Amino acid sequence: MDKAQLMKGILEGCILKIIDQEETYGYEIVTRLQDYGFTDAKEGTLYPLLLRLEKKKLIQGVFKESPLGPKRKYYTLTQDGEIYVSRFYQVWKEVEASVESIFGGR
């Protein structure tokens, strides 16, 4: 089972939801994902996803001063990102219900 492939699309939606909750930066996003149980989430996985989300214009990044060293890139959702997060959750619930009906009927 290729867990990484399955997680790729799910992570995008979860990353967007984390950014939707508050302006945040990469390392903080990784930490929050790990806190929620995505133990395989690493910075090397996150940054390409953030770049892709930025290219899709779902998030925007702004460099800001950090109290602990170099500037950090903080991310916020764009209006398209807000729409995407809402739609992602609707689709997730539909997929979850379908999978549950298959596996729950054992």
Protein backbone atom coordinates (compact mmCIF):
# COMPACT_ATOMS: atom_id res chain seq x y z
CA MET A 1 0.00 0.00 0.00
CA ASP A 2 1.51 3.34 -1.06
CA LYS A 3 0.52 5.53 1.87
CA ALA A 4 2.48 8.50 0.50
CA GLN A 5 0.38 8.64 -2.67
CA LEU A 6 -2.86 8.43 -0.70
CA MET A 7 -1.73 11.13 1.72
CA LYS A 8 -0.61 13.65 -0.94
CA GLY A 9 -4.08 15.00 -1.77
CA ILE A 10 -5.27 14.75 1.80
CA LEU A 11 -2.28 16.73 3.06
CA GLU A 12 -2.99 19.59 0.67
CA GLY A 13 -6.47 20.02 2.12
CA CYS A 14 -5.22 19.72 5.69
CA ILE A 15 -2.42 22.23 5.09
CA LEU A 16 -4.93 24.70 3.68
CA LYS A 17 -7.19 24.23 6.71
CA ILE A 18 -4.27 24.87 9.10
CA ILE A 19 -3.42 28.07 7.20
CA ASP A 20 -7.12 29.01 7.22
CA GLN A 21 -7.11 28.88 11.03
CA GLU A 22 -4.25 31.38 11.34
CA GLU A 23 -1.39 32.91 9.41
CA THR A 24 1.52 30.52 9.84
CA TYR A 25 4.90 29.40 8.50
CA GLY A 26 6.31 26.10 7.25
CA TYR A 27 7.89 24.62 10.36
CA GLU A 28 4.80 25.44 12.41
CA ILE A 29 2.60 23.71 9.81
CA VAL A 30 4.76 20.55 9.99
CA THR A 31 4.55 20.59 13.80
CA ARG A 32 0.76 20.96 13.73
CA LEU A 33 0.40 18.14 11.18
CA GLN A 34 2.52 15.88 13.40
CA ASP A 35 0.45 16.87 16.44
CA TYR A 36 -2.69 15.82 14.54
CA GLY A 37 -1.18 12.39 13.82
CA PHE A 38 0.52 12.90 10.46
CA THR A 39 3.76 11.54 11.87
CA ASP A 40 5.32 11.13 8.40
CA ALA A 41 4.97 14.86 7.68
CA LYS A 42 8.39 16.40 7.22
CA GLU A 43 9.65 19.76 5.98
CA GLY A 44 10.95 18.08 2.83
CA THR A 45 7.40 16.98 2.05
CA LEU A 46 5.76 20.25 3.03
CA TYR A 47 7.71 22.86 1.09
CA PRO A 48 7.01 21.43 -2.39
CA LEU A 49 3.30 21.30 -1.44
CA LEU A 50 3.38 24.92 -0.26
CA LEU A 51 5.04 25.95 -3.51
CA ARG A 52 2.38 24.13 -5.54
CA LEU A 53 -0.43 25.72 -3.50
CA GLU A 54 1.16 29.12 -4.03
CA LYS A 55 1.41 28.54 -7.79
CA LYS A 56 -2.27 27.56 -7.82
CA LYS A 57 -2.94 30.88 -6.05
CA LEU A 58 -4.63 29.12 -3.11
CA ILE A 59 -2.18 30.64 -0.62
CA GLN A 60 0.10 33.64 -0.55
CA GLY A 61 3.35 33.96 1.30
CA VAL A 62 4.96 37.04 2.81
CA PHE A 63 8.37 37.20 4.45
CA LYS A 64 8.29 38.66 7.96
CA GLU A 65 10.86 39.24 10.65
CA SER A 66 11.36 36.41 13.09
CA PRO A 67 12.25 36.88 16.74
CA LEU A 68 14.59 33.89 16.45
CA GLY A 69 16.77 34.47 13.40
CA PRO A 70 16.16 34.93 9.69
CA LYS A 71 12.89 36.08 8.17
CA ARG A 72 10.12 33.50 7.85
CA LYS A 73 7.62 33.11 5.06
CA TYR A 74 4.13 33.34 6.54
CA TYR A 75 1.19 31.95 4.60
CA THR A 76 -2.43 33.02 4.37
CA LEU A 77 -5.28 31.73 2.25
CA THR A 78 -6.44 33.59 -0.81
CA GLN A 79 -10.13 33.85 -1.64
CA ASP A 80 -9.69 30.89 -4.02
CA GLY A 81 -8.02 29.01 -1.17
CA GLU A 82 -11.02 29.59 1.08
CA ILE A 83 -13.34 28.19 -1.59
CA TYR A 84 -11.00 25.23 -2.14
CA VAL A 85 -10.90 24.36 1.58
CA SER A 86 -14.68 24.35 1.78
CA ARG A 87 -15.02 22.18 -1.31
CA PHE A 88 -12.22 19.85 -0.17
CA TYR A 89 -14.08 19.10 3.06
CA GLN A 90 -17.34 18.43 1.21
CA VAL A 91 -15.60 15.98 -1.13
CA TRP A 92 -13.73 14.39 1.78
CA LYS A 93 -17.00 13.70 3.61
CA GLU A 94 -18.46 12.09 0.47
CA VAL A 95 -15.40 9.86 -0.01
CA GLU A 96 -15.30 9.01 3.69
CA ALA A 97 -18.98 7.96 3.60
CA SER A 98 -18.42 5.81 0.51
CA VAL A 99 -15.39 4.03 1.98
CA GLU A 100 -17.16 3.55 5.30
CA SER A 101 -20.19 2.02 3.60
CA ILE A 102 -17.93 -0.48 1.84
CA PHE A 103 -15.75 -1.39 4.83
CA GLY A 104 -18.43 -0.94 7.49
CA GLY A 105 -20.69 -3.50 5.84
CA ARG A 106 -18.37 -6.42 6.55
